PDB file of N, CA and C in Angstrom:
ATOM      1  N   MET A   1      34.472  15.666 -17.404  1.00  0.00           N
ATOM      2  CA  MET A   1      33.149  16.031 -17.856  1.00  0.00           C
ATOM      3  C   MET A   1      32.127  15.371 -16.934  1.00  0.00           C
ATOM      4  N   SER A   2      31.245  16.164 -16.354  1.00  0.00           N
ATOM      5  CA  SER A   2      30.262  15.600 -15.434  1.00  0.00           C
ATOM      6  C   SER A   2      28.937  15.355 -16.152  1.00  0.00           C
ATOM      7  N   GLU A   3      28.293  14.296 -15.750  1.00  0.00           N
ATOM      8  CA  GLU A   3      27.006  13.934 -16.324  1.00  0.00           C
ATOM      9  C   GLU A   3      25.909  14.305 -15.331  1.00  0.00           C
ATOM     10  N   THR A   4      24.880  15.005 -15.785  1.00  0.00           N
ATOM     11  CA  THR A   4      23.804  15.410 -14.884  1.00  0.00           C
ATOM     12  C   THR A   4      22.608  14.471 -15.045  1.00  0.00           C
ATOM     13  N   GLN A   5      21.907  14.274 -13.952  1.00  0.00           N
ATOM     14  CA  GLN A   5      20.713  13.432 -13.955  1.00  0.00           C
ATOM     15  C   GLN A   5      19.555  14.197 -14.589  1.00  0.00           C
ATOM     16  N   PRO A   6      18.667  13.487 -15.287  1.00  0.00           N
ATOM     17  CA  PRO A   6      17.499  14.161 -15.847  1.00  0.00           C
ATOM     18  C   PRO A   6      16.594  14.662 -14.714  1.00  0.00           C
ATOM     19  N   THR A   7      15.998  15.809 -14.916  1.00  0.00           N
ATOM     20  CA  THR A   7      15.096  16.383 -13.922  1.00  0.00           C
ATOM     21  C   THR A   7      13.662  16.119 -14.344  1.00  0.00           C
ATOM     22  N   GLY A   8      12.833  15.823 -13.361  1.00  0.00           N
ATOM     23  CA  GLY A   8      11.418  15.575 -13.624  1.00  0.00           C
ATOM     24  C   GLY A   8      10.677  15.474 -12.306  1.00  0.00           C
ATOM     25  N   THR A   9       9.454  14.982 -12.363  1.00  0.00           N
ATOM     26  CA  THR A   9       8.629  14.848 -11.168  1.00  0.00           C
ATOM     27  C   THR A   9       8.826  13.472 -10.556  1.00  0.00           C
ATOM     28  N   CYS A  10       9.240  13.450  -9.304  1.00  0.00           N
ATOM     29  CA  CYS A  10       9.396  12.192  -8.572  1.00  0.00           C
ATOM     30  C   CYS A  10       8.027  11.528  -8.453  1.00  0.00           C
ATOM     31  N   GLN A  11       7.951  10.250  -8.738  1.00  0.00           N
ATOM     32  CA  GLN A  11       6.678   9.556  -8.682  1.00  0.00           C
ATOM     33  C   GLN A  11       6.180   9.344  -7.260  1.00  0.00           C
ATOM     34  N   LEU A  12       7.036   9.526  -6.268  1.00  0.00           N
ATOM     35  CA  LEU A  12       6.625   9.294  -4.889  1.00  0.00           C
ATOM     36  C   LEU A  12       6.276  10.589  -4.163  1.00  0.00           C
ATOM     37  N   CYS A  13       7.179  11.564  -4.155  1.00  0.00           N
ATOM     38  CA  CYS A  13       6.903  12.812  -3.421  1.00  0.00           C
ATOM     39  C   CYS A  13       6.322  13.900  -4.314  1.00  0.00           C
ATOM     40  N   ARG A  14       6.318  13.682  -5.631  1.00  0.00           N
ATOM     41  CA  ARG A  14       5.756  14.607  -6.614  1.00  0.00           C
ATOM     42  C   ARG A  14       6.506  15.929  -6.711  1.00  0.00           C
ATOM     43  N   GLN A  15       7.746  15.986  -6.241  1.00  0.00           N
ATOM     44  CA  GLN A  15       8.571  17.184  -6.334  1.00  0.00           C
ATOM     45  C   GLN A  15       9.393  17.121  -7.625  1.00  0.00           C
ATOM     46  N   THR A  16       9.714  18.278  -8.175  1.00  0.00           N
ATOM     47  CA  THR A  16      10.556  18.340  -9.361  1.00  0.00           C
ATOM     48  C   THR A  16      12.014  18.353  -8.907  1.00  0.00           C
ATOM     49  N   ARG A  17      12.708  17.288  -9.246  1.00  0.00           N
ATOM     50  CA  ARG A  17      14.095  17.098  -8.806  1.00  0.00           C
ATOM     51  C   ARG A  17      14.813  16.208  -9.810  1.00  0.00           C
ATOM     52  N   PRO A  18      16.149  16.085  -9.689  1.00  0.00           N
ATOM     53  CA  PRO A  18      16.849  15.086 -10.506  1.00  0.00           C
ATOM     54  C   PRO A  18      16.314  13.686 -10.155  1.00  0.00           C
ATOM     55  N   LEU A  19      16.139  12.862 -11.171  1.00  0.00           N
ATOM     56  CA  LEU A  19      15.513  11.555 -10.971  1.00  0.00           C
ATOM     57  C   LEU A  19      16.493  10.403 -11.159  1.00  0.00           C
ATOM     58  N   PHE A  20      16.230   9.338 -10.410  1.00  0.00           N
ATOM     59  CA  PHE A  20      16.996   8.100 -10.482  1.00  0.00           C
ATOM     60  C   PHE A  20      16.007   6.959 -10.619  1.00  0.00           C
ATOM     61  N   GLU A  21      16.408   5.923 -11.320  1.00  0.00           N
ATOM     62  CA  GLU A  21      15.499   4.794 -11.548  1.00  0.00           C
ATOM     63  C   GLU A  21      15.532   3.824 -10.375  1.00  0.00           C
ATOM     64  N   TRP A  22      14.360   3.441  -9.913  1.00  0.00           N
ATOM     65  CA  TRP A  22      14.205   2.426  -8.868  1.00  0.00           C
ATOM     66  C   TRP A  22      13.418   1.287  -9.489  1.00  0.00           C
ATOM     67  N   THR A  23      13.967   0.089  -9.471  1.00  0.00           N
ATOM     68  CA  THR A  23      13.291  -1.074 -10.036  1.00  0.00           C
ATOM     69  C   THR A  23      12.679  -1.885  -8.915  1.00  0.00           C
ATOM     70  N   ASP A  24      11.388  -2.144  -9.051  1.00  0.00           N
ATOM     71  CA  ASP A  24      10.639  -2.897  -8.047  1.00  0.00           C
ATOM     72  C   ASP A  24      10.091  -4.166  -8.686  1.00  0.00           C
ATOM     73  N   ILE A  25      10.228  -5.280  -7.988  1.00  0.00           N
ATOM     74  CA  ILE A  25       9.612  -6.531  -8.425  1.00  0.00           C
ATOM     75  C   ILE A  25       8.611  -6.890  -7.329  1.00  0.00           C
ATOM     76  N   PRO A  26       7.318  -6.548  -7.528  1.00  0.00           N
ATOM     77  CA  PRO A  26       6.336  -6.680  -6.466  1.00  0.00           C
ATOM     78  C   PRO A  26       6.125  -8.111  -5.956  1.00  0.00           C
ATOM     79  N   GLU A  27       6.226  -9.067  -6.818  1.00  0.00           N
ATOM     80  CA  GLU A  27       6.061 -10.478  -6.444  1.00  0.00           C
ATOM     81  C   GLU A  27       7.141 -11.278  -7.170  1.00  0.00           C
ATOM     82  N   PRO A  28       7.525 -12.424  -6.612  1.00  0.00           N
ATOM     83  CA  PRO A  28       8.601 -13.206  -7.256  1.00  0.00           C
ATOM     84  C   PRO A  28       8.312 -13.564  -8.718  1.00  0.00           C
ATOM     85  N   TRP A  29       7.072 -13.702  -9.103  1.00  0.00           N
ATOM     86  CA  TRP A  29       6.741 -14.105 -10.459  1.00  0.00           C
ATOM     87  C   TRP A  29       6.314 -12.921 -11.334  1.00  0.00           C
ATOM     88  N   ALA A  30       6.306 -11.723 -10.777  1.00  0.00           N
ATOM     89  CA  ALA A  30       5.844 -10.546 -11.515  1.00  0.00           C
ATOM     90  C   ALA A  30       6.966  -9.904 -12.328  1.00  0.00           C
ATOM     91  N   ASP A  31       6.568  -9.115 -13.303  1.00  0.00           N
ATOM     92  CA  ASP A  31       7.526  -8.352 -14.091  1.00  0.00           C
ATOM     93  C   ASP A  31       8.041  -7.172 -13.268  1.00  0.00           C
ATOM     94  N   ALA A  32       9.247  -6.763 -13.558  1.00  0.00           N
ATOM     95  CA  ALA A  32       9.833  -5.615 -12.870  1.00  0.00           C
ATOM     96  C   ALA A  32       9.121  -4.335 -13.313  1.00  0.00           C
ATOM     97  N   VAL A  33       8.979  -3.406 -12.374  1.00  0.00           N
ATOM     98  CA  VAL A  33       8.372  -2.106 -12.643  1.00  0.00           C
ATOM     99  C   VAL A  33       9.406  -1.043 -12.278  1.00  0.00           C
ATOM    100  N   ASP A  34       9.645  -0.116 -13.192  1.00  0.00           N
ATOM    101  CA  ASP A  34      10.612   0.953 -12.949  1.00  0.00           C
ATOM    102  C   ASP A  34       9.883   2.222 -12.516  1.00  0.00           C
ATOM    103  N   TYR A  35      10.411   2.856 -11.474  1.00  0.00           N
ATOM    104  CA  TYR A  35       9.888   4.119 -10.968  1.00  0.00           C
ATOM    105  C   TYR A  35      10.983   5.159 -11.078  1.00  0.00           C
ATOM    106  N   GLN A  36      10.602   6.403 -11.315  1.00  0.00           N
ATOM    107  CA  GLN A  36      11.532   7.524 -11.360  1.00  0.00           C
ATOM    108  C   GLN A  36      11.413   8.277 -10.039  1.00  0.00           C
ATOM    109  N   LEU A  37      12.447   8.169  -9.198  1.00  0.00           N
ATOM    110  CA  LEU A  37      12.419   8.754  -7.859  1.00  0.00           C
ATOM    111  C   LEU A  37      13.544   9.759  -7.677  1.00  0.00           C
ATOM    112  N   CYS A  38      13.290  10.764  -6.827  1.00  0.00           N
ATOM    113  CA  CYS A  38      14.357  11.689  -6.450  1.00  0.00           C
ATOM    114  C   CYS A  38      15.295  10.939  -5.502  1.00  0.00           C
ATOM    115  N   VAL A  39      16.442  11.528  -5.236  1.00  0.00           N
ATOM    116  CA  VAL A  39      17.442  10.845  -4.412  1.00  0.00           C
ATOM    117  C   VAL A  39      16.910  10.579  -3.001  1.00  0.00           C
ATOM    118  N   ARG A  40      16.113  11.498  -2.444  1.00  0.00           N
ATOM    119  CA  ARG A  40      15.570  11.309  -1.100  1.00  0.00           C
ATOM    120  C   ARG A  40      14.629  10.100  -1.050  1.00  0.00           C
ATOM    121  N   CYS A  41      13.709  10.020  -1.998  1.00  0.00           N
ATOM    122  CA  CYS A  41      12.768   8.893  -2.012  1.00  0.00           C
ATOM    123  C   CYS A  41      13.462   7.589  -2.395  1.00  0.00           C
ATOM    124  N   TRP A  42      14.457   7.675  -3.292  1.00  0.00           N
ATOM    125  CA  TRP A  42      15.216   6.489  -3.663  1.00  0.00           C
ATOM    126  C   TRP A  42      15.917   5.933  -2.430  1.00  0.00           C
ATOM    127  N   GLY A  43      16.503   6.814  -1.610  1.00  0.00           N
ATOM    128  CA  GLY A  43      17.179   6.386  -0.390  1.00  0.00           C
ATOM    129  C   GLY A  43      16.230   5.740   0.595  1.00  0.00           C
ATOM    130  N   ARG A  44      15.035   6.297   0.725  1.00  0.00           N
ATOM    131  CA  ARG A  44      14.027   5.706   1.619  1.00  0.00           C
ATOM    132  C   ARG A  44      13.622   4.316   1.143  1.00  0.00           C
ATOM    133  N   ALA A  45      13.406   4.182  -0.149  1.00  0.00           N
ATOM    134  CA  ALA A  45      13.014   2.885  -0.701  1.00  0.00           C
ATOM    135  C   ALA A  45      14.137   1.869  -0.518  1.00  0.00           C
ATOM    136  N   ASP A  46      15.380   2.294  -0.759  1.00  0.00           N
ATOM    137  CA  ASP A  46      16.529   1.403  -0.612  1.00  0.00           C
ATOM    138  C   ASP A  46      16.708   0.971   0.840  1.00  0.00           C
ATOM    139  N   SER A  47      16.559   1.914   1.759  1.00  0.00           N
ATOM    140  CA  SER A  47      16.700   1.607   3.191  1.00  0.00           C
ATOM    141  C   SER A  47      15.628   0.621   3.653  1.00  0.00           C
ATOM    142  N   ALA A  48      14.380   0.860   3.235  1.00  0.00           N
ATOM    143  CA  ALA A  48      13.296  -0.046   3.610  1.00  0.00           C
ATOM    144  C   ALA A  48      13.537  -1.446   3.046  1.00  0.00           C
ATOM    145  N   ASP A  49      14.001  -1.514   1.801  1.00  0.00           N
ATOM    146  CA  ASP A  49      14.279  -2.799   1.166  1.00  0.00           C
ATOM    147  C   ASP A  49      15.415  -3.528   1.890  1.00  0.00           C
ATOM    148  N   ALA A  50      16.461  -2.786   2.262  1.00  0.00           N
ATOM    149  CA  ALA A  50      17.604  -3.388   2.953  1.00  0.00           C
ATOM    150  C   ALA A  50      17.221  -3.905   4.336  1.00  0.00           C
ATOM    151  N   ASN A  51      16.221  -3.293   4.958  1.00  0.00           N
ATOM    152  CA  ASN A  51      15.760  -3.730   6.276  1.00  0.00           C
ATOM    153  C   ASN A  51      14.700  -4.824   6.205  1.00  0.00           C
ATOM    154  N   GLY A  52      14.461  -5.332   5.013  1.00  0.00           N
ATOM    155  CA  GLY A  52      13.503  -6.428   4.851  1.00  0.00           C
ATOM    156  C   GLY A  52      12.051  -5.989   4.908  1.00  0.00           C
ATOM    157  N   ASN A  53      11.798  -4.695   4.730  1.00  0.00           N
ATOM    158  CA  ASN A  53      10.440  -4.167   4.778  1.00  0.00           C
ATOM    159  C   ASN A  53      10.207  -3.294   3.545  1.00  0.00           C
ATOM    160  N   PRO A  54      10.183  -3.904   2.348  1.00  0.00           N
ATOM    161  CA  PRO A  54      10.072  -3.104   1.123  1.00  0.00           C
ATOM    162  C   PRO A  54       8.768  -2.311   1.067  1.00  0.00           C
ATOM    163  N   LEU A  55       8.854  -1.138   0.460  1.00  0.00           N
ATOM    164  CA  LEU A  55       7.685  -0.279   0.321  1.00  0.00           C
ATOM    165  C   LEU A  55       6.758  -0.808  -0.767  1.00  0.00           C
ATOM    166  N   ASP A  56       5.473  -0.588  -0.605  1.00  0.00           N
ATOM    167  CA  ASP A  56       4.503  -0.916  -1.647  1.00  0.00           C
ATOM    168  C   ASP A  56       4.490   0.269  -2.612  1.00  0.00           C
ATOM    169  N   MET A  57       5.439   0.270  -3.539  1.00  0.00           N
ATOM    170  CA  MET A  57       5.645   1.409  -4.417  1.00  0.00           C
ATOM    171  C   MET A  57       4.420   1.729  -5.267  1.00  0.00           C
ATOM    172  N   ALA A  58       3.739   0.715  -5.786  1.00  0.00           N
ATOM    173  CA  ALA A  58       2.569   0.971  -6.625  1.00  0.00           C
ATOM    174  C   ALA A  58       1.510   1.738  -5.836  1.00  0.00           C
ATOM    175  N   TYR A  59       1.237   1.305  -4.612  1.00  0.00           N
ATOM    176  CA  TYR A  59       0.242   1.981  -3.774  1.00  0.00           C
ATOM    177  C   TYR A  59       0.681   3.399  -3.425  1.00  0.00           C
ATOM    178  N   LEU A  60       1.927   3.563  -2.995  1.00  0.00           N
ATOM    179  CA  LEU A  60       2.417   4.876  -2.583  1.00  0.00           C
ATOM    180  C   LEU A  60       2.413   5.870  -3.737  1.00  0.00           C
ATOM    181  N   CYS A  61       2.820   5.446  -4.915  1.00  0.00           N
ATOM    182  CA  CYS A  61       2.837   6.344  -6.076  1.00  0.00           C
ATOM    183  C   CYS A  61       1.413   6.694  -6.515  1.00  0.00           C
ATOM    184  N   ARG A  62       0.509   5.724  -6.446  1.00  0.00           N
ATOM    185  CA  ARG A  62      -0.895   5.973  -6.791  1.00  0.00           C
ATOM    186  C   ARG A  62      -1.508   6.990  -5.827  1.00  0.00           C
ATOM    187  N   GLU A  63      -1.224   6.836  -4.521  1.00  0.00           N
ATOM    188  CA  GLU A  63      -1.747   7.772  -3.521  1.00  0.00           C
ATOM    189  C   GLU A  63      -1.148   9.161  -3.677  1.00  0.00           C
ATOM    190  N   ALA A  64       0.137   9.248  -3.974  1.00  0.00           N
ATOM    191  CA  ALA A  64       0.786  10.548  -4.181  1.00  0.00           C
ATOM    192  C   ALA A  64       0.151  11.266  -5.363  1.00  0.00           C
ATOM    193  N   LYS A  65      -0.123  10.536  -6.441  1.00  0.00           N
ATOM    194  CA  LYS A  65      -0.764  11.140  -7.608  1.00  0.00           C
ATOM    195  C   LYS A  65      -2.182  11.572  -7.268  1.00  0.00           C
ATOM    196  N   ARG A  66      -2.918  10.758  -6.535  1.00  0.00           N
ATOM    197  CA  ARG A  66      -4.289  11.102  -6.166  1.00  0.00           C
ATOM    198  C   ARG A  66      -4.310  12.380  -5.330  1.00  0.00           C
ATOM    199  N   GLN A  67      -3.409  12.492  -4.374  1.00  0.00           N
ATOM    200  CA  GLN A  67      -3.363  13.683  -3.524  1.00  0.00           C
ATOM    201  C   GLN A  67      -2.967  14.918  -4.317  1.00  0.00           C
ATOM    202  N   MET A  68      -2.022  14.779  -5.230  1.00  0.00           N
ATOM    203  CA  MET A  68      -1.608  15.918  -6.049  1.00  0.00           C
ATOM    204  C   MET A  68      -2.750  16.360  -6.965  1.00  0.00           C
ATOM    205  N   ASP A  69      -3.472  15.408  -7.527  1.00  0.00           N
ATOM    206  CA  ASP A  69      -4.627  15.745  -8.371  1.00  0.00           C
ATOM    207  C   ASP A  69      -5.694  16.483  -7.564  1.00  0.00           C
ATOM    208  N   ALA A  70      -5.926  16.053  -6.327  1.00  0.00           N
ATOM    209  CA  ALA A  70      -6.914  16.715  -5.464  1.00  0.00           C
ATOM    210  C   ALA A  70      -6.479  18.139  -5.141  1.00  0.00           C
ATOM    211  N   LEU A  71      -5.193  18.343  -4.860  1.00  0.00           N
ATOM    212  CA  LEU A  71      -4.685  19.691  -4.592  1.00  0.00           C
ATOM    213  C   LEU A  71      -4.810  20.593  -5.816  1.00  0.00           C
ATOM    214  N   ASN A  72      -4.507  20.052  -6.982  1.00  0.00           N
ATOM    215  CA  ASN A  72      -4.628  20.833  -8.211  1.00  0.00           C
ATOM    216  C   ASN A  72      -6.080  21.219  -8.472  1.00  0.00           C
ATOM    217  N   ALA A  73      -7.009  20.317  -8.215  1.00  0.00           N
ATOM    218  CA  ALA A  73      -8.427  20.618  -8.407  1.00  0.00           C
ATOM    219  C   ALA A  73      -8.884  21.710  -7.440  1.00  0.00           C
ATOM    220  N   MET A  74      -8.448  21.649  -6.176  1.00  0.00           N
ATOM    221  CA  MET A  74      -8.808  22.685  -5.197  1.00  0.00           C
ATOM    222  C   MET A  74      -8.218  24.029  -5.605  1.00  0.00           C
ATOM    223  N   SER A  75      -6.994  24.005  -6.135  1.00  0.00           N
ATOM    224  CA  SER A  75      -6.340  25.240  -6.569  1.00  0.00           C
ATOM    225  C   SER A  75      -7.107  25.881  -7.725  1.00  0.00           C
ATOM    226  N   LYS A  76      -7.530  25.078  -8.683  1.00  0.00           N
ATOM    227  CA  LYS A  76      -8.298  25.596  -9.822  1.00  0.00           C
ATOM    228  C   LYS A  76      -9.629  26.161  -9.354  1.00  0.00           C
ATOM    229  N   THR A  77     -10.278  25.506  -8.390  1.00  0.00           N
ATOM    230  CA  THR A  77     -11.553  25.978  -7.863  1.00  0.00           C
ATOM    231  C   THR A  77     -11.359  27.318  -7.152  1.00  0.00           C
ATOM    232  N   ALA A  78     -10.280  27.448  -6.394  1.00  0.00           N
ATOM    233  CA  ALA A  78      -9.996  28.689  -5.672  1.00  0.00           C
ATOM    234  C   ALA A  78      -9.691  29.826  -6.640  1.00  0.00           C
ATOM    235  N   GLN A  79      -9.032  29.534  -7.748  1.00  0.00           N
ATOM    236  CA  GLN A  79      -8.701  30.568  -8.726  1.00  0.00           C
ATOM    237  C   GLN A  79      -9.950  31.111  -9.401  1.00  0.00           C
ATOM    238  N   ARG A  80     -10.953  30.255  -9.595  1.00  0.00           N
ATOM    239  CA  ARG A  80     -12.199  30.676 -10.236  1.00  0.00           C
ATOM    240  C   ARG A  80     -13.037  31.549  -9.321  1.00  0.00           C
ATOM    241  N   ALA A  81     -12.881  31.384  -8.017  1.00  0.00           N
ATOM    242  CA  ALA A  81     -13.718  32.127  -7.067  1.00  0.00           C
ATOM    243  C   ALA A  81     -13.295  33.576  -6.936  1.00  0.00           C
TER     244      ALA A  81
END
């Protein structure tokens, strides 16, 4: 019996794909933060972490959301015209 991953929106690339949990601890004294990433973004984050250059996940996810919101707003404006 195979188990399938839940599908949703990746917090980094904003694509709808199967999601995997990525746990980030931004500072040694900070609480862990969990992100839901697709396998491609999870691999990028893991590779960067393994090379000693961890990604600033909070910033990247915030920027991805901001860009997606801007695209959605432009799309709605174009539909009204």
